[in-house]
Amino acid sequence: MGKIPFCKMSGSGNDFILIDNREGILDADRLGDFVPRVCVRKVSVGADGLILVESSNRVNFRWRFFNSDGSEAEMCGNGGRCAARFAVIKGIAPSRLSFETLAGIIEAEVNGRQVKLQMVQPAGLKLNLDVSIDGQNHQLCFINTGVPHAIKMVEDAAVVAVKDLGRKIRFHARFQPAGTNVNFVQPVDRKHLKVRTYERGVEDETLACGTGAVASALIAAAKGLIDSPVMVETTGGEILNIYFQSKGDGYERVFLEGDTKVVYEGSLWEEAYK
C-alpha cells in the first residue's frame, strides 16, 4: 500500500486515526491486522480507533469505524464528531452534513472545534436488571445508543475498579453474543454527571465515550435523576453536552456536543503496519 496519508484527531479524550478513503486506497473489508497494528501505542500511531471516510451516493459521505482491536463498530459518538470535522476541513462536506454509519444516517453541525451530532434513535431501554458477578448482585440498566451500553449508577465514580468490573460486565452472559460497553455513572446534580467507561473493542477504560455519555444521560433521566440538557464530565476531564426529548417510554432528538482537536497530519509508512 505504500505511504498512507492520515490525520490524528481527538474528541474529548478519545483519539482516532482518520483516512480519506474515497479513492479506495484501503479495502475496508480486508484490513486484517492493519487496524490493530496502527492503533497500538508506542510503536505506531496509537489510537482508540480508526475511521475511513468513503464516498456515498446518499449523503455527504460514508464512514467505516474500527475499534483498536480491529473489530468494526456500528457507531462511535466522539469518532463521529471527529469524522464530521475532518470532512469539513478536507472540503468533503459543508458545516451542516450527514453521513452513513452501520447504525443509520447521522447528522452533524460543525462550528469550529465544536461539533454537535444528532444520534440515532436509542433502542432497547431496560431498567434495573439484576446481574450476578462473582457471587455479588449488581443492578444495571441497558440502552443501545448506536452501540450497546450497560449502566451502573455509583456514589463515587473515582473509586470504581473500572477495568476489572467493566470487563466482567462486558463479557457477562446477560449481554452476549454482542457484548456491551459499560458505564459507571455518578449523578452530581440534575444537570451534571460524572461517567467512566469501559469500552468494548478497546477492552480498557477510555478517557471518554460519546455514545456512553449519551447512554448514561438517558438512563439517568429514565430514573428521574437529571433533566435535559445535561453535561457529562469524562475521565479525561472534558465536558460533553447531551440534549434529548422524552417520547413515551423512550427518547427522540438526541444530540451529543463537544470539542474536537486536530493533533497532526502525516503519512503512515509500511513500517507502521507491517
Protein backbone atom coordinates (compact mmCIF):
# COMPACT_ATOMS: atom_id res chain seq x y z
CA MET A 1 0.00 0.00 0.00
CA GLY A 2 2.97 2.32 0.42
CA LYS A 3 2.59 5.56 2.34
CA ILE A 4 -0.95 6.33 3.51
CA PRO A 5 -1.96 9.94 4.33
CA PHE A 6 -3.81 10.24 7.64
CA CYS A 7 -4.94 12.68 10.29
CA LYS A 8 -4.79 12.12 14.04
CA MET A 9 -7.70 13.68 15.95
CA SER A 10 -9.08 13.67 19.48
CA GLY A 11 -12.69 14.03 20.55
CA SER A 12 -12.89 14.84 24.27
CA GLY A 13 -10.12 12.36 25.07
CA ASN A 14 -10.94 9.63 22.52
CA ASP A 15 -8.25 9.59 19.83
CA PHE A 16 -8.65 8.39 16.26
CA ILE A 17 -6.75 7.84 13.03
CA LEU A 18 -8.75 9.26 10.11
CA ILE A 19 -8.09 8.35 6.48
CA ASP A 20 -9.74 9.80 3.36
CA ASN A 21 -10.58 6.55 1.60
CA ARG A 22 -12.79 7.90 -1.18
CA GLU A 23 -10.28 6.65 -3.76
CA GLY A 24 -10.20 3.18 -2.20
CA ILE A 25 -6.59 3.14 -1.05
CA LEU A 26 -7.66 0.64 1.63
CA ASP A 27 -10.07 -2.28 1.32
CA ALA A 28 -12.22 -1.87 4.43
CA ASP A 29 -13.35 -5.48 4.24
CA ARG A 30 -9.81 -6.83 4.18
CA LEU A 31 -7.83 -4.82 6.69
CA GLY A 32 -6.59 -7.91 8.56
CA ASP A 33 -4.03 -6.85 11.13
CA PHE A 34 -3.76 -3.31 9.75
CA VAL A 35 -6.01 -1.63 12.33
CA PRO A 36 -4.56 -3.28 15.46
CA ARG A 37 -1.04 -2.56 14.24
CA VAL A 38 -1.51 1.16 13.56
CA CYS A 39 -3.61 1.64 16.71
CA VAL A 40 -1.05 0.14 19.07
CA ARG A 41 0.66 2.82 21.14
CA LYS A 42 4.41 3.49 21.37
CA VAL A 43 5.34 1.51 18.24
CA SER A 44 2.83 3.03 15.78
CA VAL A 45 0.45 5.99 15.68
CA GLY A 46 -1.70 4.70 18.53
CA ALA A 47 -5.43 5.36 18.84
CA ASP A 48 -8.73 4.17 20.30
CA GLY A 49 -9.98 3.54 16.77
CA LEU A 50 -9.57 4.07 13.04
CA ILE A 51 -12.05 5.84 10.75
CA LEU A 52 -12.27 5.54 6.97
CA VAL A 53 -14.18 8.32 5.18
CA GLU A 54 -15.65 6.91 1.98
CA SER A 55 -17.93 8.07 -0.83
CA SER A 56 -21.72 7.90 -0.52
CA ASN A 57 -24.44 8.31 -3.13
CA ARG A 58 -27.00 9.10 -0.42
CA VAL A 59 -25.42 11.73 1.87
CA ASN A 60 -22.12 13.63 2.18
CA PHE A 61 -20.01 10.59 2.97
CA ARG A 62 -19.96 7.10 4.42
CA TRP A 63 -17.75 6.00 7.27
CA ARG A 64 -16.30 2.70 8.42
CA PHE A 65 -15.31 2.70 12.09
CA PHE A 66 -12.94 0.17 13.63
CA ASN A 67 -12.04 -0.29 17.29
CA SER A 68 -8.36 -0.60 18.14
CA ASP A 69 -8.63 -4.41 18.20
CA GLY A 70 -9.78 -4.41 14.58
CA SER A 71 -13.47 -5.09 15.24
CA GLU A 72 -15.93 -2.93 13.34
CA ALA A 73 -18.46 -0.95 15.38
CA GLU A 74 -21.82 0.41 14.33
CA MET A 75 -21.33 3.85 15.84
CA CYS A 76 -18.99 6.00 17.94
CA GLY A 77 -20.14 9.41 19.15
CA ASN A 78 -16.77 11.07 19.63
CA GLY A 79 -15.44 9.40 16.49
CA GLY A 80 -18.46 10.70 14.60
CA ARG A 81 -17.77 14.24 15.75
CA CYS A 82 -14.14 13.94 14.62
CA ALA A 83 -15.19 12.48 11.26
CA ALA A 84 -17.61 15.37 10.71
CA ARG A 85 -14.95 17.99 11.37
CA PHE A 86 -12.40 16.08 9.27
CA ALA A 87 -14.86 16.10 6.35
CA VAL A 88 -15.35 19.86 6.68
CA ILE A 89 -11.60 20.53 6.91
CA LYS A 90 -10.94 18.41 3.80
CA GLY A 91 -13.76 20.01 1.79
CA ILE A 92 -15.70 16.75 1.65
CA ALA A 93 -18.79 18.21 3.30
CA PRO A 94 -20.28 21.58 4.40
CA SER A 95 -20.63 22.58 8.04
CA ARG A 96 -24.12 21.03 8.18
CA LEU A 97 -23.75 17.48 6.96
CA SER A 98 -24.96 13.88 7.06
CA PHE A 99 -23.05 10.62 6.86
CA GLU A 100 -23.78 6.90 6.72
CA THR A 101 -22.90 4.51 9.55
CA LEU A 102 -23.88 0.91 10.25
CA ALA A 103 -26.28 2.34 12.86
CA GLY A 104 -28.00 4.62 10.33
CA ILE A 105 -27.72 8.15 8.94
CA ILE A 106 -26.06 10.62 11.31
CA GLU A 107 -26.47 14.40 11.07
CA ALA A 108 -23.91 16.87 12.39
CA GLU A 109 -23.17 20.57 12.63
CA VAL A 110 -19.56 21.77 12.78
CA ASN A 111 -18.79 25.15 14.35
CA GLY A 112 -15.03 25.50 14.55
CA ARG A 113 -13.78 22.89 17.01
CA GLN A 114 -17.25 22.32 18.44
CA VAL A 115 -19.32 19.60 16.79
CA LYS A 116 -22.95 18.78 17.56
CA LEU A 117 -24.05 15.33 16.45
CA GLN A 118 -27.62 14.06 16.22
CA MET A 119 -27.58 10.46 17.40
CA VAL A 120 -29.57 7.55 16.01
CA GLN A 121 -32.82 6.66 17.76
CA PRO A 122 -31.99 4.96 21.09
CA ALA A 123 -33.40 1.46 21.49
CA GLY A 124 -33.73 -1.42 23.92
CA LEU A 125 -34.01 0.58 27.14
CA LYS A 126 -34.15 -1.71 30.17
CA LEU A 127 -34.03 -0.57 33.81
CA ASN A 128 -33.00 -2.39 36.99
CA LEU A 129 -31.50 -5.61 35.66
CA ASP A 130 -30.11 -7.88 38.38
CA VAL A 131 -26.77 -9.30 37.24
CA SER A 132 -24.66 -11.62 39.42
CA ILE A 133 -20.88 -11.22 39.22
CA ASP A 134 -18.55 -13.20 41.47
CA GLY A 135 -21.48 -14.04 43.74
CA GLN A 136 -22.48 -10.39 44.19
CA ASN A 137 -25.63 -8.82 42.72
CA HIS A 138 -25.24 -5.69 40.60
CA GLN A 139 -28.23 -3.66 39.47
CA LEU A 140 -27.63 -2.49 35.92
CA CYS A 141 -29.56 -0.71 33.20
CA PHE A 142 -29.19 -1.06 29.44
CA ILE A 143 -29.74 1.02 26.30
CA ASN A 144 -28.43 0.96 22.74
CA THR A 145 -27.34 4.40 21.53
CA GLY A 146 -25.89 3.09 18.28
CA VAL A 147 -23.87 0.52 20.20
CA PRO A 148 -24.91 -1.40 23.36
CA HIS A 149 -24.28 0.15 26.78
CA ALA A 150 -24.76 -1.20 30.28
CA ILE A 151 -25.08 1.42 33.02
CA LYS A 152 -24.29 1.09 36.73
CA MET A 153 -25.17 4.03 38.97
CA VAL A 154 -22.49 4.65 41.64
CA GLU A 155 -21.98 7.05 44.52
CA ASP A 156 -18.35 7.81 43.66
CA ALA A 157 -17.06 7.03 40.18
CA ALA A 158 -13.49 7.80 41.23
CA VAL A 159 -13.18 4.64 43.35
CA VAL A 160 -14.70 2.13 40.89
CA ALA A 161 -12.44 -0.66 39.58
CA VAL A 162 -13.48 0.17 36.03
CA LYS A 163 -11.21 -2.24 34.14
CA ASP A 164 -11.89 -5.27 36.33
CA LEU A 165 -15.63 -4.89 36.90
CA GLY A 166 -16.20 -3.39 33.49
CA ARG A 167 -14.62 -6.37 31.76
CA LYS A 168 -16.73 -8.83 33.75
CA ILE A 169 -19.93 -6.99 32.84
CA ARG A 170 -18.82 -6.55 29.21
CA PHE A 171 -18.44 -10.34 28.77
CA HIS A 172 -21.33 -11.39 31.05
CA ALA A 173 -23.74 -13.95 29.57
CA ARG A 174 -26.61 -11.47 30.03
CA PHE A 175 -25.16 -9.29 27.23
CA GLN A 176 -23.97 -11.93 24.79
CA PRO A 177 -23.37 -12.54 21.95
CA ALA A 178 -22.59 -8.89 21.09
CA GLY A 179 -21.22 -7.93 24.49
CA THR A 180 -21.62 -4.41 25.83
CA ASN A 181 -19.81 -1.23 26.75
CA VAL A 182 -20.04 -0.45 30.46
CA ASN A 183 -20.55 2.96 32.09
CA PHE A 184 -20.20 3.83 35.77
CA VAL A 185 -22.33 6.91 36.39
CA GLN A 186 -22.22 9.29 39.33
CA PRO A 187 -25.04 11.88 39.44
CA VAL A 188 -23.71 15.19 40.76
CA ASP A 189 -26.89 17.24 40.37
CA ARG A 190 -29.77 17.45 37.89
CA LYS A 191 -27.52 18.97 35.21
CA HIS A 192 -24.24 17.19 35.84
CA LEU A 193 -22.98 13.59 35.66
CA LYS A 194 -19.55 12.06 36.07
CA VAL A 195 -19.01 9.00 33.88
CA ARG A 196 -16.24 6.42 33.49
CA THR A 197 -16.46 3.94 30.63
CA TYR A 198 -15.06 0.51 29.81
CA GLU A 199 -15.15 0.24 26.02
CA ARG A 200 -15.83 -2.94 24.12
CA GLY A 201 -13.22 -3.36 21.38
CA VAL A 202 -10.66 -1.23 23.22
CA GLU A 203 -11.02 -3.60 26.21
CA ASP A 204 -9.99 -0.95 28.71
CA GLU A 205 -11.19 2.29 30.25
CA THR A 206 -11.07 5.19 27.81
CA LEU A 207 -10.84 8.91 28.60
CA ALA A 208 -14.29 9.45 27.10
CA CYS A 209 -17.06 7.71 25.18
CA GLY A 210 -19.66 9.70 23.28
CA THR A 211 -22.31 7.00 22.93
CA GLY A 212 -21.62 6.09 26.56
CA ALA A 213 -22.16 9.68 27.70
CA VAL A 214 -25.47 9.71 25.83
CA ALA A 215 -26.50 6.32 27.26
CA SER A 216 -25.62 7.47 30.78
CA ALA A 217 -27.67 10.64 30.44
CA LEU A 218 -30.72 8.82 29.04
CA ILE A 219 -30.67 6.17 31.77
CA ALA A 220 -30.22 8.82 34.48
CA ALA A 221 -33.20 10.68 33.01
CA ALA A 222 -35.28 7.49 32.89
CA LYS A 223 -34.57 7.05 36.61
CA GLY A 224 -35.68 10.63 37.28
CA LEU A 225 -32.23 11.89 38.27
CA ILE A 226 -31.45 14.55 35.64
CA ASP A 227 -33.03 16.89 33.10
CA SER A 228 -32.02 17.86 29.55
CA PRO A 229 -29.59 19.35 28.74
CA VAL A 230 -27.00 17.67 30.93
CA MET A 231 -23.24 17.99 31.00
CA VAL A 232 -21.23 14.79 31.31
CA GLU A 233 -17.77 15.03 32.85
CA THR A 234 -15.47 12.43 31.33
CA THR A 235 -12.45 10.63 32.79
CA GLY A 236 -10.22 12.95 30.77
CA GLY A 237 -11.84 15.96 32.44
CA GLU A 238 -13.58 17.33 29.34
CA ILE A 239 -17.30 18.07 29.16
CA LEU A 240 -19.80 16.56 26.73
CA ASN A 241 -23.25 18.15 26.46
CA ILE A 242 -26.23 15.88 25.92
CA TYR A 243 -29.64 17.07 24.68
CA PHE A 244 -32.77 14.94 24.37
CA GLN A 245 -36.57 14.97 24.38
CA SER A 246 -38.80 12.39 26.05
CA LYS A 247 -41.20 10.47 23.84
CA GLY A 248 -43.45 7.91 25.51
CA ASP A 249 -41.21 5.34 27.16
CA GLY A 250 -38.18 6.46 25.14
CA TYR A 251 -36.36 9.47 23.70
CA GLU A 252 -36.00 11.37 20.44
CA ARG A 253 -33.90 14.25 19.07
CA VAL A 254 -30.84 13.13 20.98
CA PHE A 255 -27.71 15.23 20.44
CA LEU A 256 -24.09 14.94 21.55
CA GLU A 257 -21.97 18.10 21.57
CA GLY A 258 -18.33 18.68 22.45
CA ASP A 259 -14.84 19.73 21.46
CA THR A 260 -12.65 18.16 18.79
CA LYS A 261 -8.93 18.59 18.28
CA VAL A 262 -6.69 18.08 15.25
CA VAL A 263 -3.45 16.66 16.64
CA TYR A 264 -1.36 16.20 13.49
CA GLU A 265 -1.30 15.01 9.88
CA GLY A 266 1.22 12.67 8.34
CA SER A 267 1.84 9.58 6.25
CA LEU A 268 1.82 6.02 7.52
CA TRP A 269 4.90 4.19 6.30
CA GLU A 270 4.75 0.45 5.72
CA GLU A 271 6.93 0.04 8.80
CA ALA A 272 3.99 1.29 10.89
CA TYR A 273 1.62 -1.50 9.85
CA LYS A 274 3.76 -4.44 8.73
